[in-house]
C-alpha atoms as a PDB file:
ATOM      1  CA  MET A   1       5.877  13.756 -17.000  1.00  0.00           C
ATOM      2  CA  SER A   2       2.625  11.702 -18.095  1.00  0.00           C
ATOM      3  CA  ASP A   3      -0.236  12.249 -19.988  1.00  0.00           C
ATOM      4  CA  PRO A   4      -3.332  14.038 -18.514  1.00  0.00           C
ATOM      5  CA  PHE A   5      -6.619  12.032 -19.245  1.00  0.00           C
ATOM      6  CA  THR A   6     -10.332  11.839 -17.804  1.00  0.00           C
ATOM      7  CA  ILE A   7     -11.897   8.544 -17.013  1.00  0.00           C
ATOM      8  CA  ARG A   8     -15.830   8.054 -16.077  1.00  0.00           C
ATOM      9  CA  ILE A   9     -16.937   6.268 -13.678  1.00  0.00           C
ATOM     10  CA  PHE A  10     -21.171   5.140 -13.619  1.00  0.00           C
ATOM     11  CA  VAL A  11     -22.898   4.199 -10.837  1.00  0.00           C
ATOM     12  CA  PRO A  12     -25.540   2.068 -11.720  1.00  0.00           C
ATOM     13  CA  ASP A  13     -27.202   1.346  -8.250  1.00  0.00           C
ATOM     14  CA  GLY A  14     -26.566   4.512  -7.414  1.00  0.00           C
ATOM     15  CA  ASN A  15     -24.708   3.748  -4.232  1.00  0.00           C
ATOM     16  CA  PRO A  16     -20.815   4.672  -4.635  1.00  0.00           C
ATOM     17  CA  ASP A  17     -19.250   1.731  -2.292  1.00  0.00           C
ATOM     18  CA  GLY A  18     -20.616  -0.414  -5.190  1.00  0.00           C
ATOM     19  CA  VAL A  19     -20.347  -1.386  -8.124  1.00  0.00           C
ATOM     20  CA  ARG A  20     -18.510   1.265 -10.393  1.00  0.00           C
ATOM     21  CA  ILE A  21     -18.333   0.891 -14.063  1.00  0.00           C
ATOM     22  CA  ILE A  22     -14.820   2.601 -15.132  1.00  0.00           C
ATOM     23  CA  ASP A  23     -14.488   3.069 -19.026  1.00  0.00           C
ATOM     24  CA  ARG A  24     -12.470   6.555 -20.617  1.00  0.00           C
ATOM     25  CA  MET A  25     -11.962   8.196 -23.829  1.00  0.00           C
ATOM     26  CA  ASN A  26     -10.247   6.474 -26.682  1.00  0.00           C
ATOM     27  CA  TRP A  27      -9.836   3.216 -25.176  1.00  0.00           C
ATOM     28  CA  THR A  28     -11.551  -0.105 -25.602  1.00  0.00           C
ATOM     29  CA  GLY A  29     -11.049  -1.511 -23.018  1.00  0.00           C
ATOM     30  CA  LEU A  30     -13.776  -1.212 -19.714  1.00  0.00           C
ATOM     31  CA  GLY A  31     -13.580  -1.806 -15.930  1.00  0.00           C
ATOM     32  CA  VAL A  32     -15.816  -3.540 -13.651  1.00  0.00           C
ATOM     33  CA  ALA A  33     -14.930  -3.039  -9.266  1.00  0.00           C
ATOM     34  CA  PHE A  34     -17.777  -4.592  -7.185  1.00  0.00           C
ATOM     35  CA  PRO A  35     -18.074  -5.203  -3.968  1.00  0.00           C
ATOM     36  CA  ARG A  36     -17.518  -8.977  -2.448  1.00  0.00           C
ATOM     37  CA  ASP A  37     -21.347  -8.617  -0.976  1.00  0.00           C
ATOM     38  CA  THR A  38     -23.162  -7.235  -4.453  1.00  0.00           C
ATOM     39  CA  TRP A  39     -21.565 -10.350  -6.229  1.00  0.00           C
ATOM     40  CA  ILE A  40     -25.248 -11.978  -6.299  1.00  0.00           C
ATOM     41  CA  THR A  41     -26.437  -9.583  -8.187  1.00  0.00           C
ATOM     42  CA  THR A  42     -23.101  -7.788 -10.079  1.00  0.00           C
ATOM     43  CA  ARG A  43     -22.593 -11.486 -12.059  1.00  0.00           C
ATOM     44  CA  LYS A  44     -25.151 -10.901 -14.488  1.00  0.00           C
ATOM     45  CA  ARG A  45     -23.974  -8.194 -15.894  1.00  0.00           C
ATOM     46  CA  PRO A  46     -22.727  -8.705 -19.691  1.00  0.00           C
ATOM     47  CA  GLU A  47     -19.297  -7.738 -18.930  1.00  0.00           C
ATOM     48  CA  PHE A  48     -18.994 -10.898 -16.622  1.00  0.00           C
ATOM     49  CA  ASP A  49     -19.605 -12.708 -20.266  1.00  0.00           C
ATOM     50  CA  LYS A  50     -16.562 -11.608 -21.595  1.00  0.00           C
ATOM     51  CA  ALA A  51     -12.852 -12.684 -21.631  1.00  0.00           C
ATOM     52  CA  GLY A  52     -10.668 -10.481 -19.097  1.00  0.00           C
ATOM     53  CA  VAL A  53      -8.296 -10.614 -16.316  1.00  0.00           C
ATOM     54  CA  TYR A  54      -9.509  -9.787 -12.639  1.00  0.00           C
ATOM     55  CA  VAL A  55      -7.982  -9.280  -9.365  1.00  0.00           C
ATOM     56  CA  LEU A  56      -9.418  -9.839  -6.313  1.00  0.00           C
ATOM     57  CA  VAL A  57      -8.739  -7.976  -2.911  1.00  0.00           C
ATOM     58  CA  GLY A  58      -8.849  -8.001   0.745  1.00  0.00           C
ATOM     59  CA  TYR A  59      -6.261  -8.359   3.692  1.00  0.00           C
ATOM     60  CA  THR A  60      -5.223 -11.328   5.682  1.00  0.00           C
ATOM     61  CA  GLU A  61      -2.279 -10.452   7.153  1.00  0.00           C
ATOM     62  CA  GLU A  62      -1.834  -7.841   9.708  1.00  0.00           C
ATOM     63  CA  ASP A  63       0.808  -5.854   8.015  1.00  0.00           C
ATOM     64  CA  ASP A  64      -1.528  -3.364   6.025  1.00  0.00           C
ATOM     65  CA  LEU A  65      -0.383  -4.835   3.072  1.00  0.00           C
ATOM     66  CA  PRO A  66      -2.938  -6.014   0.753  1.00  0.00           C
ATOM     67  CA  THR A  67      -3.775  -9.750  -0.767  1.00  0.00           C
ATOM     68  CA  LEU A  68      -4.141 -10.255  -4.092  1.00  0.00           C
ATOM     69  CA  TYR A  69      -5.649 -13.244  -6.801  1.00  0.00           C
ATOM     70  CA  ILE A  70      -5.269 -12.453  -9.843  1.00  0.00           C
ATOM     71  CA  GLY A  71      -6.515 -14.337 -12.380  1.00  0.00           C
ATOM     72  CA  GLN A  72      -7.678 -14.103 -16.155  1.00  0.00           C
ATOM     73  CA  ALA A  73     -10.530 -16.476 -18.348  1.00  0.00           C
ATOM     74  CA  ASP A  74     -12.550 -16.522 -21.294  1.00  0.00           C
ATOM     75  CA  GLY A  75     -15.926 -16.222 -19.204  1.00  0.00           C
ATOM     76  CA  LEU A  76     -15.268 -14.161 -16.202  1.00  0.00           C
ATOM     77  CA  ARG A  77     -18.563 -14.988 -14.560  1.00  0.00           C
ATOM     78  CA  ASN A  78     -17.625 -18.655 -14.150  1.00  0.00           C
ATOM     79  CA  ARG A  79     -14.219 -17.957 -12.482  1.00  0.00           C
ATOM     80  CA  ILE A  80     -15.016 -15.422 -10.315  1.00  0.00           C
ATOM     81  CA  GLU A  81     -18.268 -17.621  -9.019  1.00  0.00           C
ATOM     82  CA  SER A  82     -15.502 -20.344  -8.304  1.00  0.00           C
ATOM     83  CA  HIS A  83     -13.616 -18.215  -6.444  1.00  0.00           C
ATOM     84  CA  PHE A  84     -16.797 -16.945  -4.359  1.00  0.00           C
ATOM     85  CA  LYS A  85     -17.740 -19.937  -2.994  1.00  0.00           C
ATOM     86  CA  ASN A  86     -14.000 -21.327  -2.491  1.00  0.00           C
ATOM     87  CA  LYS A  87     -11.839 -18.086  -1.214  1.00  0.00           C
ATOM     88  CA  ASP A  88     -12.767 -16.035   1.115  1.00  0.00           C
ATOM     89  CA  PHE A  89     -10.283 -13.551   1.549  1.00  0.00           C
ATOM     90  CA  TRP A  90     -11.450 -11.061  -1.110  1.00  0.00           C
ATOM     91  CA  ASP A  91     -13.774  -8.222  -0.199  1.00  0.00           C
ATOM     92  CA  TRP A  92     -13.887  -6.656  -3.369  1.00  0.00           C
ATOM     93  CA  GLY A  93     -12.597  -7.136  -7.016  1.00  0.00           C
ATOM     94  CA  CYS A  94     -12.799  -5.552 -10.578  1.00  0.00           C
ATOM     95  CA  ILE A  95     -12.504  -6.870 -13.599  1.00  0.00           C
ATOM     96  CA  PHE A  96     -10.929  -5.860 -16.963  1.00  0.00           C
ATOM     97  CA  VAL A  97     -12.546  -7.265 -20.483  1.00  0.00           C
ATOM     98  CA  SER A  98     -12.395  -5.325 -23.798  1.00  0.00           C
ATOM     99  CA  ALA A  99     -15.949  -3.298 -24.782  1.00  0.00           C
ATOM    100  CA  ASN A 100     -15.322  -5.005 -28.651  1.00  0.00           C
ATOM    101  CA  ASN A 101     -14.603  -8.471 -27.593  1.00  0.00           C
ATOM    102  CA  GLY A 102     -10.996  -7.586 -28.742  1.00  0.00           C
ATOM    103  CA  LEU A 103      -9.294  -9.488 -26.088  1.00  0.00           C
ATOM    104  CA  ASN A 104      -8.367 -13.358 -27.031  1.00  0.00           C
ATOM    105  CA  ARG A 105      -6.633 -16.172 -25.094  1.00  0.00           C
ATOM    106  CA  ALA A 106      -3.464 -15.500 -25.743  1.00  0.00           C
ATOM    107  CA  HIS A 107      -4.136 -11.549 -24.343  1.00  0.00           C
ATOM    108  CA  ILE A 108      -5.225 -12.148 -21.123  1.00  0.00           C
ATOM    109  CA  THR A 109      -3.145 -14.896 -20.251  1.00  0.00           C
ATOM    110  CA  TRP A 110       0.201 -11.992 -21.189  1.00  0.00           C
ATOM    111  CA  LEU A 111      -2.101  -9.350 -19.339  1.00  0.00           C
ATOM    112  CA  GLU A 112      -2.249 -12.151 -16.505  1.00  0.00           C
ATOM    113  CA  TRP A 113       1.342 -12.376 -16.170  1.00  0.00           C
ATOM    114  CA  ALA A 114       2.020  -8.569 -16.261  1.00  0.00           C
ATOM    115  CA  LEU A 115       0.563  -7.444 -13.360  1.00  0.00           C
ATOM    116  CA  VAL A 116       1.325 -10.987 -11.671  1.00  0.00           C
ATOM    117  CA  GLY A 117       5.438  -9.609 -12.534  1.00  0.00           C
ATOM    118  CA  HIS A 118       3.901  -5.885 -11.373  1.00  0.00           C
ATOM    119  CA  ALA A 119       2.414  -6.572  -8.473  1.00  0.00           C
ATOM    120  CA  GLN A 120       5.750  -8.719  -7.482  1.00  0.00           C
ATOM    121  CA  ALA A 121       8.205  -5.958  -8.717  1.00  0.00           C
ATOM    122  CA  ALA A 122       6.386  -3.385  -6.142  1.00  0.00           C
ATOM    123  CA  ASN A 123       5.981  -5.674  -2.875  1.00  0.00           C
ATOM    124  CA  ARG A 124       3.056  -4.241  -1.865  1.00  0.00           C
ATOM    125  CA  SER A 125       0.993  -7.186  -1.544  1.00  0.00           C
ATOM    126  CA  HIS A 126       0.965 -10.629  -0.561  1.00  0.00           C
ATOM    127  CA  LEU A 127      -0.485 -12.681  -3.731  1.00  0.00           C
ATOM    128  CA  ASP A 128      -2.839 -15.662  -3.211  1.00  0.00           C
ATOM    129  CA  ASN A 129      -1.743 -16.300  -6.789  1.00  0.00           C
ATOM    130  CA  GLY A 130      -0.224 -20.546  -6.634  1.00  0.00           C
ATOM    131  CA  ASN A 131       2.037 -20.070  -9.630  1.00  0.00           C
ATOM    132  CA  THR A 132       3.440 -17.377 -10.850  1.00  0.00           C
ATOM    133  CA  PRO A 133       2.576 -17.550 -14.753  1.00  0.00           C
ATOM    134  CA  GLN A 134       4.502 -18.265 -17.569  1.00  0.00           C
ATOM    135  CA  GLU A 135       4.915 -14.877 -20.596  1.00  0.00           C
ATOM    136  CA  PRO A 136       3.412 -15.832 -23.734  1.00  0.00           C
ATOM    137  CA  VAL A 137       4.512 -15.678 -26.758  1.00  0.00           C
ATOM    138  CA  LEU A 138       2.665 -12.366 -29.160  1.00  0.00           C
ATOM    139  CA  SER A 139       3.035 -10.816 -32.439  1.00  0.00           C
ATOM    140  CA  GLU A 140       5.168  -7.827 -32.140  1.00  0.00           C
ATOM    141  CA  SER A 141       1.710  -5.971 -32.914  1.00  0.00           C
ATOM    142  CA  GLU A 142      -0.211  -7.724 -30.506  1.00  0.00           C
ATOM    143  CA  LYS A 143       2.214  -7.409 -27.641  1.00  0.00           C
ATOM    144  CA  ALA A 144       2.541  -4.105 -28.813  1.00  0.00           C
ATOM    145  CA  ASP A 145      -1.216  -3.275 -28.449  1.00  0.00           C
ATOM    146  CA  THR A 146      -1.830  -5.420 -25.078  1.00  0.00           C
ATOM    147  CA  LYS A 147       1.090  -3.293 -23.180  1.00  0.00           C
ATOM    148  CA  GLY A 148      -1.348  -0.133 -24.572  1.00  0.00           C
ATOM    149  CA  PHE A 149      -3.893  -1.789 -22.489  1.00  0.00           C
ATOM    150  CA  LEU A 150      -2.176  -2.844 -19.389  1.00  0.00           C
ATOM    151  CA  LYS A 151      -1.140   0.829 -19.429  1.00  0.00           C
ATOM    152  CA  GLU A 152      -4.767   1.997 -19.038  1.00  0.00           C
ATOM    153  CA  ILE A 153      -5.437  -0.699 -16.174  1.00  0.00           C
ATOM    154  CA  LEU A 154      -2.318   0.450 -13.892  1.00  0.00           C
ATOM    155  CA  GLN A 155      -3.859   3.803 -14.289  1.00  0.00           C
ATOM    156  CA  ILE A 156      -6.866   3.105 -13.488  1.00  0.00           C
ATOM    157  CA  LEU A 157      -6.350   1.160 -10.184  1.00  0.00           C
ATOM    158  CA  PRO A 158      -5.106   3.555  -8.203  1.00  0.00           C
ATOM    159  CA  LEU A 159      -8.454   5.126  -9.267  1.00  0.00           C
ATOM    160  CA  VAL A 160     -10.345   2.441  -7.698  1.00  0.00           C
ATOM    161  CA  GLY A 161      -8.036   2.047  -4.374  1.00  0.00           C
ATOM    162  CA  LEU A 162      -5.515  -0.120  -5.417  1.00  0.00           C
ATOM    163  CA  ARG A 163      -2.401   1.259  -5.580  1.00  0.00           C
ATOM    164  CA  ALA A 164      -0.378  -2.336  -4.770  1.00  0.00           C
ATOM    165  CA  PHE A 165       0.704  -2.225  -8.804  1.00  0.00           C
ATOM    166  CA  GLU A 166       3.000   0.769  -8.294  1.00  0.00           C
ATOM    167  CA  LYS A 167       6.207   0.766  -6.658  1.00  0.00           C
ATOM    168  CA  PRO A 168       6.158   2.537  -3.610  1.00  0.00           C
ATOM    169  CA  LYS A 169       7.886   6.360  -4.350  1.00  0.00           C
ATOM    170  CA  VAL A 170       9.520   8.208  -1.763  1.00  0.00           C
ATOM    171  CA  VAL A 171       7.839  10.997  -0.410  1.00  0.00           C
ATOM    172  CA  ILE A 172      10.421  12.590   2.296  1.00  0.00           C
ATOM    173  CA  THR A 173      14.016  12.059   2.103  1.00  0.00           C
ATOM    174  CA  SER A 174      16.582  13.091   4.988  1.00  0.00           C
ATOM    175  CA  VAL A 175      17.779  16.478   2.831  1.00  0.00           C
ATOM    176  CA  GLN A 176      14.149  17.557   2.797  1.00  0.00           C
ATOM    177  CA  ALA A 177      13.826  17.408   6.371  1.00  0.00           C
ATOM    178  CA  ILE A 178      16.902  18.787   7.279  1.00  0.00           C
ATOM    179  CA  ASN A 179      15.707  21.563   4.675  1.00  0.00           C
ATOM    180  CA  GLU A 180      12.059  22.233   6.780  1.00  0.00           C
ATOM    181  CA  GLU A 181      14.474  22.496  10.030  1.00  0.00           C
ATOM    182  CA  ALA A 182      16.393  24.755   8.805  1.00  0.00           C
ATOM    183  CA  SER A 183      13.669  26.869   7.638  1.00  0.00           C
ATOM    184  CA  GLY A 184      11.218  26.292  10.510  1.00  0.00           C
ATOM    185  CA  PHE A 185      11.224  27.965  14.305  1.00  0.00           C
ATOM    186  CA  GLY A 186      14.626  26.377  15.747  1.00  0.00           C
ATOM    187  CA  LYS A 187      15.911  23.269  16.868  1.00  0.00           C
ATOM    188  CA  GLN A 188      14.040  23.099  19.863  1.00  0.00           C
ATOM    189  CA  ALA A 189      10.634  24.351  18.837  1.00  0.00           C
ATOM    190  CA  ILE A 190      10.528  20.827  16.251  1.00  0.00           C
ATOM    191  CA  LYS A 191       9.268  18.158  16.486  1.00  0.00           C
ATOM    192  CA  ASN A 192      11.729  16.226  14.035  1.00  0.00           C
ATOM    193  CA  THR A 193      11.255  13.024  16.222  1.00  0.00           C
ATOM    194  CA  ILE A 194       8.408   9.970  15.835  1.00  0.00           C
ATOM    195  CA  VAL A 195       8.396   7.853  18.839  1.00  0.00           C
ATOM    196  CA  VAL A 196       6.505   4.168  18.043  1.00  0.00           C
ATOM    197  CA  PRO A 197       5.565   1.857  20.124  1.00  0.00           C
ATOM    198  CA  ALA A 198       7.417  -1.757  19.508  1.00  0.00           C
ATOM    199  CA  GLN A 199       6.227  -5.274  20.541  1.00  0.00           C
ATOM    200  CA  LYS A 200       9.210  -7.357  21.394  1.00  0.00           C
ATOM    201  CA  ASP A 201       9.248 -10.064  17.852  1.00  0.00           C
ATOM    202  CA  GLY A 202       8.675  -6.477  16.004  1.00  0.00           C
ATOM    203  CA  PHE A 203      11.235  -4.734  17.292  1.00  0.00           C
ATOM    204  CA  GLU A 204      13.884  -7.602  16.993  1.00  0.00           C
ATOM    205  CA  ASP A 205      12.828  -8.356  13.823  1.00  0.00           C
ATOM    206  CA  VAL A 206      12.006  -4.964  11.896  1.00  0.00           C
ATOM    207  CA  PHE A 207      13.493  -2.285  13.884  1.00  0.00           C
ATOM    208  CA  ILE A 208      16.760  -3.763  14.702  1.00  0.00           C
ATOM    209  CA  GLY A 209      16.747  -6.373  12.241  1.00  0.00           C
ATOM    210  CA  GLU A 210      15.237  -4.690   8.304  1.00  0.00           C
ATOM    211  CA  ASN A 211      16.485  -1.004   9.785  1.00  0.00           C
ATOM    212  CA  CYS A 212      13.178   0.435   9.080  1.00  0.00           C
ATOM    213  CA  TRP A 213       9.240   0.576  10.771  1.00  0.00           C
ATOM    214  CA  TYR A 214       6.504   0.647   8.922  1.00  0.00           C
ATOM    215  CA  ALA A 215       2.542   0.769   8.880  1.00  0.00           C
ATOM    216  CA  ILE A 216       2.873   4.094  10.854  1.00  0.00           C
ATOM    217  CA  ARG A 217      -0.282   6.305  10.218  1.00  0.00           C
ATOM    218  CA  ILE A 218       1.711  10.086   9.788  1.00  0.00           C
ATOM    219  CA  SER A 219      -0.053  13.283   9.851  1.00  0.00           C
ATOM    220  CA  GLY A 220       0.920  15.596   6.462  1.00  0.00           C
ATOM    221  CA  GLY A 221       1.851  18.855   8.180  1.00  0.00           C
ATOM    222  CA  MET A 222       4.781  16.032   9.926  1.00  0.00           C
ATOM    223  CA  LEU A 223       5.533  14.092   7.229  1.00  0.00           C
ATOM    224  CA  PRO A 224       8.731  16.825   5.687  1.00  0.00           C
ATOM    225  CA  LYS A 225       9.508  16.964   9.789  1.00  0.00           C
ATOM    226  CA  ILE A 226      10.566  13.728  10.488  1.00  0.00           C
ATOM    227  CA  LYS A 227      14.307  12.898  10.527  1.00  0.00           C
ATOM    228  CA  TRP A 228      14.754  10.483  13.334  1.00  0.00           C
ATOM    229  CA  ILE A 229      12.598   7.598  14.755  1.00  0.00           C
ATOM    230  CA  ALA A 230      13.220   6.148  18.489  1.00  0.00           C
ATOM    231  CA  ALA A 231      11.893   2.814  19.416  1.00  0.00           C
ATOM    232  CA  TYR A 232       9.539   2.440  22.668  1.00  0.00           C
ATOM    233  CA  GLN A 233       9.392  -1.306  23.847  1.00  0.00           C
ATOM    234  CA  SER A 234       6.454  -2.361  25.500  1.00  0.00           C
ATOM    235  CA  GLN A 235       6.416  -4.382  28.628  1.00  0.00           C
ATOM    236  CA  PRO A 236       8.243  -5.743  30.158  1.00  0.00           C
ATOM    237  CA  ILE A 237      11.110  -3.336  29.110  1.00  0.00           C
ATOM    238  CA  SER A 238       8.920  -0.328  29.189  1.00  0.00           C
ATOM    239  CA  ALA A 239      10.969   2.268  27.558  1.00  0.00           C
ATOM    240  CA  VAL A 240      12.624   3.976  25.078  1.00  0.00           C
ATOM    241  CA  THR A 241      15.495   2.130  24.335  1.00  0.00           C
ATOM    242  CA  HIS A 242      16.743   3.054  20.471  1.00  0.00           C
ATOM    243  CA  VAL A 243      16.885   5.500  17.836  1.00  0.00           C
ATOM    244  CA  ALA A 244      17.521   6.085  14.125  1.00  0.00           C
ATOM    245  CA  GLU A 245      18.123   8.948  12.067  1.00  0.00           C
ATOM    246  CA  VAL A 246      15.618   8.773   8.834  1.00  0.00           C
ATOM    247  CA  ALA A 247      17.136   8.283   5.213  1.00  0.00           C
ATOM    248  CA  SER A 248      13.447   8.619   3.921  1.00  0.00           C
ATOM    249  CA  ILE A 249       9.283   7.607   4.338  1.00  0.00           C
ATOM    250  CA  GLU A 250       7.049   6.053   1.591  1.00  0.00           C
ATOM    251  CA  PRO A 251       3.805   4.911   1.433  1.00  0.00           C
ATOM    252  CA  TYR A 252       2.611   1.412   3.219  1.00  0.00           C
ATOM    253  CA  GLY A 253       0.159  -0.349   2.195  1.00  0.00           C
ATOM    254  CA  GLU A 254      -3.330   1.126   0.860  1.00  0.00           C
ATOM    255  CA  ALA A 255      -4.762   2.854   4.390  1.00  0.00           C
ATOM    256  CA  GLY A 256      -2.554   5.957   4.202  1.00  0.00           C
ATOM    257  CA  LYS A 257      -0.017   4.652   6.337  1.00  0.00           C
ATOM    258  CA  TYR A 258       3.635   4.961   5.889  1.00  0.00           C
ATOM    259  CA  LYS A 259       7.245   3.177   6.014  1.00  0.00           C
ATOM    260  CA  LEU A 260      10.203   4.901   7.448  1.00  0.00           C
ATOM    261  CA  ILE A 261      13.817   3.844   6.291  1.00  0.00           C
ATOM    262  CA  PHE A 262      16.816   4.223   8.494  1.00  0.00           C
ATOM    263  CA  LYS A 263      19.663   5.334   7.273  1.00  0.00           C
ATOM    264  CA  GLY A 264      22.020   2.961   8.668  1.00  0.00           C
ATOM    265  CA  GLN A 265      22.083   0.559  12.765  1.00  0.00           C
ATOM    266  CA  ALA A 266      20.020   1.831  15.276  1.00  0.00           C
ATOM    267  CA  GLU A 267      21.332   3.660  18.002  1.00  0.00           C
ATOM    268  CA  LYS A 268      20.994   2.569  21.859  1.00  0.00           C
ATOM    269  CA  LEU A 269      20.616   5.292  24.175  1.00  0.00           C
ATOM    270  CA  PRO A 270      22.927   5.452  26.521  1.00  0.00           C
ATOM    271  CA  HIS A 271      20.380   5.291  29.332  1.00  0.00           C
ATOM    272  CA  PRO A 272      17.044   3.745  28.543  1.00  0.00           C
ATOM    273  CA  ILE A 273      13.960   6.524  29.079  1.00  0.00           C
ATOM    274  CA  PRO A 274      11.515   4.323  31.403  1.00  0.00           C
ATOM    275  CA  TYR A 275       7.181   4.669  31.170  1.00  0.00           C
ATOM    276  CA  ALA A 276       7.650   5.659  35.232  1.00  0.00           C
ATOM    277  CA  ASP A 277       4.738   7.549  35.578  1.00  0.00           C
ATOM    278  CA  ALA A 278       3.650   8.778  32.284  1.00  0.00           C
ATOM    279  CA  PRO A 279      -0.317   8.679  31.837  1.00  0.00           C
ATOM    280  CA  LEU A 280      -1.967   5.816  31.414  1.00  0.00           C
ATOM    281  CA  GLY A 281      -1.660   4.587  27.386  1.00  0.00           C
ATOM    282  CA  SER A 282       0.689   7.387  26.737  1.00  0.00           C
ATOM    283  CA  MET A 283       2.966   4.908  24.701  1.00  0.00           C
ATOM    284  CA  GLN A 284       0.182   3.326  22.520  1.00  0.00           C
ATOM    285  CA  GLY A 285       0.342   5.157  19.863  1.00  0.00           C
ATOM    286  CA  PRO A 286       3.071   7.378  17.772  1.00  0.00           C
ATOM    287  CA  ARG A 287       4.330  10.408  19.514  1.00  0.00           C
ATOM    288  CA  TYR A 288       5.993  13.347  18.739  1.00  0.00           C
ATOM    289  CA  THR A 289       9.244  15.001  20.267  1.00  0.00           C
ATOM    290  CA  ASN A 290      12.424  16.760  19.405  1.00  0.00           C
ATOM    291  CA  ILE A 291      15.476  14.568  19.077  1.00  0.00           C
ATOM    292  CA  GLU A 292      17.608  17.054  21.788  1.00  0.00           C
ATOM    293  CA  THR A 293      14.543  16.506  23.573  1.00  0.00           C
ATOM    294  CA  LEU A 294      15.181  12.713  23.600  1.00  0.00           C
ATOM    295  CA  ARG A 295      18.836  13.248  23.925  1.00  0.00           C
ATOM    296  CA  THR A 296      17.813  14.751  27.632  1.00  0.00           C
ATOM    297  CA  ALA A 297      14.849  13.373  29.181  1.00  0.00           C
ATOM    298  CA  HIS A 298      14.788  11.369  31.919  1.00  0.00           C
ATOM    299  CA  SER A 299      11.274   9.444  31.529  1.00  0.00           C
ATOM    300  CA  VAL A 300       8.379   9.095  28.899  1.00  0.00           C
ATOM    301  CA  VAL A 301       6.591  12.169  30.676  1.00  0.00           C
ATOM    302  CA  ASP A 302       9.397  14.781  29.098  1.00  0.00           C
ATOM    303  CA  LEU A 303       8.475  13.214  25.700  1.00  0.00           C
ATOM    304  CA  LEU A 304       5.427  14.621  26.137  1.00  0.00           C
END
């Protein structure tokens, strides 16, 4: 179990969506999170005179995963100023410096290396960095201190809205879903199946090719009930054609969406379930149903 901790967030301009200064008890570090559109004024802050590491965050792909640029500099202001002029993707950034000027070039280079490694291992973002830095050589004591500084950074980042450095933790397993069903109101009553719309490429590449489906928004009350996932293929097929048993569900991206991982290959339904006379727009988003209902349905209307 992790140790409890308290952080302090100071909002200097009174806007909770603006600049935030982050510190915590017994830590020599300081974090500054800031929107890109405030950079012209934010860059005047004294923290940007210091040596430190930074993360720039934006979205360049359609898969809901953020794009990150991770860097370090002896003086952060000039480096971020160049990214403000030359990198269009980022919407906000966060820097980490030492309040007592205790970070030197070796420390921040190691922190940059470690943050890139954590982002790559978590696989929850796209890295804009062109090269993977090499681990710099630190003495045993310096590495211990710098690892402690890194631990503080990794604990703070989720609190300012960035979980891309954390490996996704399974929130629901198939065992939990089965237990929920067993303690519920009977098989027919429980909506234990999510039906998702899928374009041709996504269906073939991900649903069939990767045995998973992601970037799905699922209400919290439904999470422990989902045991199956079915794919509705859009035009020209316009039918529910495949179903798969869900092995686990984990967070995906930074926007409260999820990734469903299948137990195995999706099963092709003996008879596709056509859209038929379902109301317009019925399958523009995920829908919930029961697996028994799915297996006996004659049209999408039966699933609704």
